[in-house]
Amino acid sequence: MDKTISNSLFPEKRTKPRINCDYPATVWGLDEHGQKFIDEARVTNLSSSGALAVSKRSIPNGAEVYVKIAISSGSLEWGTSNLATRGNVVRNEPQSDGAIGIAIKFQKYKFL
């Protein structure tokens, strides 16, 4: 009898395919004190419904943020596309290097 063992203890709840990546990004919005901020970040995970942006700043869950992502095509001929997004922070994930992974669920996006 052949049995298949799951590689994960938790079933995948995400419905959209995602890619691991390393794209430069700019994140801006209001911090936990209501002050405007603009931070450089790296998007390390991307799907059509959201992204994980790694930054130095923690942003409160539920906060609305704007993110501009430079998506490289990997081709000198095609260059880079920019993706402009608006979304809400759904969680913060402390990283081993002291940075914060900010999970953002997109509300709107468009290519520039």
N, C-alpha and C. Protein backbone atom coordinates (compact mmCIF):
# COMPACT_ATOMS: atom_id res chain seq x y z
N MET A 1 0.84 -1.17 0.00
CA MET A 1 0.00 0.00 0.00
C MET A 1 0.89 1.24 0.00
N ASP A 2 0.66 2.15 -0.94
CA ASP A 2 1.44 3.37 -1.07
C ASP A 2 0.75 4.49 -0.30
N LYS A 3 1.49 5.13 0.62
CA LYS A 3 0.94 6.24 1.39
C LYS A 3 1.73 7.50 1.06
N THR A 4 1.01 8.61 0.91
CA THR A 4 1.65 9.90 0.67
C THR A 4 1.67 10.68 1.97
N ILE A 5 2.83 11.22 2.31
CA ILE A 5 2.97 12.01 3.53
C ILE A 5 3.05 13.47 3.14
N SER A 6 2.26 14.30 3.79
CA SER A 6 2.27 15.73 3.53
C SER A 6 3.58 16.34 4.03
N ASN A 7 4.14 17.30 3.26
CA ASN A 7 5.35 18.00 3.66
C ASN A 7 5.08 19.10 4.66
N SER A 8 3.83 19.41 4.92
CA SER A 8 3.50 20.52 5.80
C SER A 8 2.56 20.04 6.90
N LEU A 9 2.75 20.61 8.09
CA LEU A 9 1.85 20.30 9.19
C LEU A 9 0.55 21.08 9.07
N PHE A 10 0.59 22.18 8.31
CA PHE A 10 -0.57 23.04 8.16
C PHE A 10 -0.98 23.08 6.69
N PRO A 11 -2.24 22.88 6.40
CA PRO A 11 -2.68 22.94 5.00
C PRO A 11 -2.56 24.35 4.45
N GLU A 12 -2.23 24.47 3.17
CA GLU A 12 -2.10 25.75 2.50
C GLU A 12 -3.49 26.37 2.35
N LYS A 13 -3.66 27.60 2.85
CA LYS A 13 -4.94 28.29 2.76
C LYS A 13 -4.97 29.30 1.61
N ARG A 14 -3.83 29.61 1.06
CA ARG A 14 -3.78 30.61 0.00
C ARG A 14 -4.40 30.06 -1.27
N THR A 15 -5.12 30.93 -1.98
CA THR A 15 -5.79 30.49 -3.20
C THR A 15 -5.08 30.97 -4.46
N LYS A 16 -4.17 31.92 -4.33
CA LYS A 16 -3.46 32.46 -5.49
C LYS A 16 -2.03 31.94 -5.51
N PRO A 17 -1.52 31.56 -6.69
CA PRO A 17 -0.12 31.14 -6.76
C PRO A 17 0.80 32.29 -6.39
N ARG A 18 1.95 31.98 -5.82
CA ARG A 18 2.89 33.02 -5.42
C ARG A 18 4.28 32.65 -5.90
N ILE A 19 5.12 33.68 -5.99
CA ILE A 19 6.51 33.46 -6.38
C ILE A 19 7.42 34.02 -5.30
N ASN A 20 8.54 33.35 -5.08
CA ASN A 20 9.60 33.92 -4.26
C ASN A 20 10.41 34.83 -5.16
N CYS A 21 10.76 36.00 -4.68
CA CYS A 21 11.44 36.98 -5.51
C CYS A 21 12.32 37.86 -4.63
N ASP A 22 12.97 38.82 -5.24
CA ASP A 22 13.76 39.81 -4.51
C ASP A 22 13.73 41.11 -5.33
N TYR A 23 12.60 41.84 -5.23
CA TYR A 23 12.40 43.05 -6.00
C TYR A 23 12.51 44.27 -5.09
N PRO A 24 13.17 45.33 -5.55
CA PRO A 24 13.21 46.56 -4.76
C PRO A 24 11.82 47.21 -4.75
N ALA A 25 11.50 47.86 -3.64
CA ALA A 25 10.19 48.48 -3.51
C ALA A 25 10.28 49.71 -2.61
N THR A 26 9.29 50.57 -2.74
CA THR A 26 9.10 51.70 -1.85
C THR A 26 7.74 51.52 -1.20
N VAL A 27 7.69 51.66 0.13
CA VAL A 27 6.43 51.53 0.89
C VAL A 27 6.18 52.86 1.58
N TRP A 28 4.93 53.37 1.48
CA TRP A 28 4.61 54.61 2.19
C TRP A 28 3.19 54.56 2.73
N GLY A 29 2.97 55.38 3.75
CA GLY A 29 1.67 55.43 4.41
C GLY A 29 1.81 56.19 5.72
N LEU A 30 1.01 55.80 6.71
CA LEU A 30 1.06 56.40 8.04
C LEU A 30 1.51 55.34 9.04
N ASP A 31 2.42 55.71 9.95
CA ASP A 31 2.89 54.76 10.95
C ASP A 31 1.92 54.69 12.13
N GLU A 32 2.29 53.94 13.17
CA GLU A 32 1.41 53.74 14.32
C GLU A 32 1.11 55.03 15.08
N HIS A 33 1.90 56.11 14.82
CA HIS A 33 1.68 57.40 15.47
C HIS A 33 0.97 58.39 14.56
N GLY A 34 0.52 57.91 13.40
CA GLY A 34 -0.17 58.78 12.45
C GLY A 34 0.76 59.67 11.64
N GLN A 35 2.06 59.38 11.68
CA GLN A 35 3.05 60.16 10.95
C GLN A 35 3.30 59.54 9.57
N LYS A 36 3.45 60.39 8.57
CA LYS A 36 3.77 59.91 7.23
C LYS A 36 5.16 59.29 7.22
N PHE A 37 5.32 58.22 6.43
CA PHE A 37 6.63 57.60 6.25
C PHE A 37 6.79 57.14 4.81
N ILE A 38 8.02 57.06 4.39
CA ILE A 38 8.41 56.46 3.11
C ILE A 38 9.64 55.62 3.40
N ASP A 39 9.58 54.33 3.11
CA ASP A 39 10.70 53.42 3.37
C ASP A 39 11.05 52.62 2.12
N GLU A 40 12.34 52.35 1.99
CA GLU A 40 12.80 51.41 0.98
C GLU A 40 12.61 50.01 1.55
N ALA A 41 12.23 49.07 0.70
CA ALA A 41 11.98 47.69 1.13
C ALA A 41 12.38 46.73 0.02
N ARG A 42 12.27 45.44 0.32
CA ARG A 42 12.46 44.38 -0.68
C ARG A 42 11.23 43.49 -0.64
N VAL A 43 10.64 43.24 -1.79
CA VAL A 43 9.52 42.31 -1.86
C VAL A 43 10.11 40.92 -2.09
N THR A 44 9.83 40.01 -1.16
CA THR A 44 10.42 38.67 -1.22
C THR A 44 9.42 37.60 -1.62
N ASN A 45 8.15 37.96 -1.68
CA ASN A 45 7.10 37.01 -2.01
C ASN A 45 5.97 37.80 -2.64
N LEU A 46 5.47 37.35 -3.79
CA LEU A 46 4.49 38.13 -4.54
C LEU A 46 3.44 37.22 -5.17
N SER A 47 2.18 37.65 -5.09
CA SER A 47 1.09 36.97 -5.81
C SER A 47 0.16 38.04 -6.34
N SER A 48 -0.88 37.65 -7.02
CA SER A 48 -1.83 38.63 -7.55
C SER A 48 -2.69 39.24 -6.45
N SER A 49 -2.66 38.67 -5.26
CA SER A 49 -3.49 39.19 -4.17
C SER A 49 -2.70 39.85 -3.05
N GLY A 50 -1.35 39.76 -3.08
CA GLY A 50 -0.59 40.38 -2.02
C GLY A 50 0.90 40.18 -2.15
N ALA A 51 1.62 40.71 -1.15
CA ALA A 51 3.09 40.64 -1.17
C ALA A 51 3.62 40.62 0.26
N LEU A 52 4.85 40.13 0.38
CA LEU A 52 5.59 40.24 1.64
C LEU A 52 6.75 41.19 1.36
N ALA A 53 6.71 42.36 2.01
CA ALA A 53 7.76 43.37 1.86
C ALA A 53 8.60 43.39 3.13
N VAL A 54 9.91 43.31 2.99
CA VAL A 54 10.80 43.33 4.15
C VAL A 54 11.35 44.74 4.29
N SER A 55 11.15 45.30 5.48
CA SER A 55 11.52 46.68 5.76
C SER A 55 12.09 46.79 7.17
N LYS A 56 12.52 47.98 7.54
CA LYS A 56 13.03 48.22 8.89
C LYS A 56 11.91 48.63 9.84
N ARG A 57 10.73 48.91 9.33
CA ARG A 57 9.65 49.48 10.10
C ARG A 57 8.49 48.49 10.26
N SER A 58 7.97 48.42 11.47
CA SER A 58 6.74 47.67 11.72
C SER A 58 5.57 48.59 11.40
N ILE A 59 4.57 48.07 10.73
CA ILE A 59 3.39 48.84 10.37
C ILE A 59 2.19 48.12 10.96
N PRO A 60 1.30 48.83 11.65
CA PRO A 60 0.19 48.18 12.33
C PRO A 60 -0.72 47.38 11.39
N ASN A 61 -1.21 46.26 11.88
CA ASN A 61 -2.18 45.48 11.12
C ASN A 61 -3.38 46.35 10.80
N GLY A 62 -3.89 46.22 9.58
CA GLY A 62 -5.04 47.00 9.15
C GLY A 62 -4.67 48.32 8.51
N ALA A 63 -3.44 48.78 8.69
CA ALA A 63 -3.02 50.06 8.11
C ALA A 63 -3.03 49.99 6.59
N GLU A 64 -3.47 51.08 5.96
CA GLU A 64 -3.42 51.16 4.51
C GLU A 64 -2.04 51.64 4.09
N VAL A 65 -1.43 50.95 3.14
CA VAL A 65 -0.11 51.32 2.63
C VAL A 65 -0.14 51.32 1.11
N TYR A 66 0.83 52.03 0.56
CA TYR A 66 1.05 52.08 -0.87
C TYR A 66 2.42 51.50 -1.13
N VAL A 67 2.54 50.71 -2.18
CA VAL A 67 3.80 50.05 -2.49
C VAL A 67 4.06 50.17 -3.98
N LYS A 68 5.26 50.60 -4.33
CA LYS A 68 5.70 50.60 -5.73
C LYS A 68 6.81 49.57 -5.83
N ILE A 69 6.62 48.58 -6.70
CA ILE A 69 7.55 47.45 -6.83
C ILE A 69 8.19 47.50 -8.22
N ALA A 70 9.52 47.42 -8.27
CA ALA A 70 10.24 47.35 -9.54
C ALA A 70 10.44 45.88 -9.89
N ILE A 71 9.74 45.42 -10.90
CA ILE A 71 9.78 44.01 -11.28
C ILE A 71 10.69 43.84 -12.50
N SER A 72 11.82 43.20 -12.28
CA SER A 72 12.78 42.99 -13.35
C SER A 72 12.32 41.85 -14.24
N SER A 73 12.46 42.05 -15.54
CA SER A 73 12.10 41.00 -16.49
C SER A 73 13.22 39.99 -16.66
N GLY A 74 14.43 40.36 -16.22
CA GLY A 74 15.58 39.48 -16.43
C GLY A 74 16.17 39.64 -17.81
N SER A 75 15.63 40.59 -18.58
CA SER A 75 16.10 40.81 -19.95
C SER A 75 16.53 42.26 -20.11
N LEU A 76 17.70 42.48 -20.69
CA LEU A 76 18.13 43.86 -20.95
C LEU A 76 17.23 44.53 -21.97
N GLU A 77 16.68 43.74 -22.88
CA GLU A 77 15.81 44.28 -23.91
C GLU A 77 14.47 44.76 -23.34
N TRP A 78 13.91 44.02 -22.38
CA TRP A 78 12.60 44.36 -21.83
C TRP A 78 12.67 45.27 -20.62
N GLY A 79 13.79 45.25 -19.89
CA GLY A 79 13.96 46.16 -18.76
C GLY A 79 13.11 45.80 -17.55
N THR A 80 12.60 46.84 -16.87
CA THR A 80 11.87 46.68 -15.62
C THR A 80 10.49 47.29 -15.73
N SER A 81 9.49 46.62 -15.16
CA SER A 81 8.15 47.17 -15.05
C SER A 81 7.93 47.60 -13.62
N ASN A 82 7.11 48.60 -13.41
CA ASN A 82 6.77 49.03 -12.06
C ASN A 82 5.31 48.67 -11.78
N LEU A 83 5.10 48.12 -10.60
CA LEU A 83 3.76 47.75 -10.15
C LEU A 83 3.41 48.67 -9.00
N ALA A 84 2.34 49.45 -9.15
CA ALA A 84 1.88 50.33 -8.08
C ALA A 84 0.68 49.67 -7.41
N THR A 85 0.73 49.59 -6.08
CA THR A 85 -0.33 48.90 -5.35
C THR A 85 -0.81 49.72 -4.16
N ARG A 86 -2.03 49.42 -3.75
CA ARG A 86 -2.57 49.93 -2.49
C ARG A 86 -3.13 48.72 -1.77
N GLY A 87 -2.89 48.63 -0.48
CA GLY A 87 -3.39 47.48 0.25
C GLY A 87 -3.38 47.70 1.74
N ASN A 88 -3.69 46.65 2.46
CA ASN A 88 -3.74 46.70 3.92
C ASN A 88 -2.78 45.68 4.50
N VAL A 89 -2.11 46.08 5.58
CA VAL A 89 -1.20 45.19 6.29
C VAL A 89 -2.03 44.14 7.03
N VAL A 90 -1.69 42.87 6.84
CA VAL A 90 -2.42 41.79 7.51
C VAL A 90 -1.59 41.13 8.61
N ARG A 91 -0.24 41.31 8.57
CA ARG A 91 0.60 40.81 9.67
C ARG A 91 2.02 41.33 9.52
N ASN A 92 2.75 41.30 10.62
CA ASN A 92 4.17 41.64 10.67
C ASN A 92 4.92 40.40 11.11
N GLU A 93 6.02 40.09 10.43
CA GLU A 93 6.83 38.91 10.74
C GLU A 93 8.26 39.34 11.03
N PRO A 94 8.69 39.30 12.31
CA PRO A 94 10.09 39.63 12.62
C PRO A 94 11.03 38.69 11.86
N GLN A 95 12.10 39.26 11.29
CA GLN A 95 13.09 38.50 10.54
C GLN A 95 14.33 38.28 11.41
N SER A 96 15.14 37.31 11.09
CA SER A 96 16.32 36.98 11.90
C SER A 96 17.35 38.10 11.93
N ASP A 97 17.34 38.97 10.90
CA ASP A 97 18.32 40.06 10.85
C ASP A 97 17.81 41.35 11.49
N GLY A 98 16.65 41.30 12.14
CA GLY A 98 16.09 42.47 12.79
C GLY A 98 15.09 43.23 11.94
N ALA A 99 15.01 42.92 10.67
CA ALA A 99 14.03 43.56 9.79
C ALA A 99 12.63 43.01 10.09
N ILE A 100 11.63 43.61 9.46
CA ILE A 100 10.25 43.17 9.64
C ILE A 100 9.66 42.80 8.28
N GLY A 101 9.07 41.62 8.18
CA GLY A 101 8.34 41.22 6.99
C GLY A 101 6.91 41.72 7.13
N ILE A 102 6.46 42.53 6.19
CA ILE A 102 5.13 43.12 6.23
C ILE A 102 4.27 42.44 5.17
N ALA A 103 3.28 41.69 5.61
CA ALA A 103 2.38 41.01 4.68
C ALA A 103 1.26 41.99 4.31
N ILE A 104 1.11 42.22 3.01
CA ILE A 104 0.16 43.20 2.50
C ILE A 104 -0.83 42.52 1.58
N LYS A 105 -2.11 42.71 1.84
CA LYS A 105 -3.17 42.22 0.96
C LYS A 105 -3.57 43.37 0.05
N PHE A 106 -3.45 43.15 -1.27
CA PHE A 106 -3.74 44.21 -2.23
C PHE A 106 -5.24 44.51 -2.30
N GLN A 107 -5.54 45.79 -2.42
CA GLN A 107 -6.89 46.26 -2.70
C GLN A 107 -6.99 46.66 -4.18
N LYS A 108 -5.92 47.29 -4.68
CA LYS A 108 -5.86 47.72 -6.07
C LYS A 108 -4.40 47.62 -6.53
N TYR A 109 -4.20 47.42 -7.81
CA TYR A 109 -2.86 47.48 -8.36
C TYR A 109 -2.93 47.78 -9.84
N LYS A 110 -1.84 48.36 -10.36
CA LYS A 110 -1.74 48.59 -11.79
C LYS A 110 -0.27 48.65 -12.19
N PHE A 111 0.01 48.26 -13.42
CA PHE A 111 1.36 48.36 -13.95
C PHE A 111 1.56 49.75 -14.51
N LEU A 112 2.73 50.31 -14.25
CA LEU A 112 3.06 51.66 -14.75
C LEU A 112 3.94 51.56 -15.96
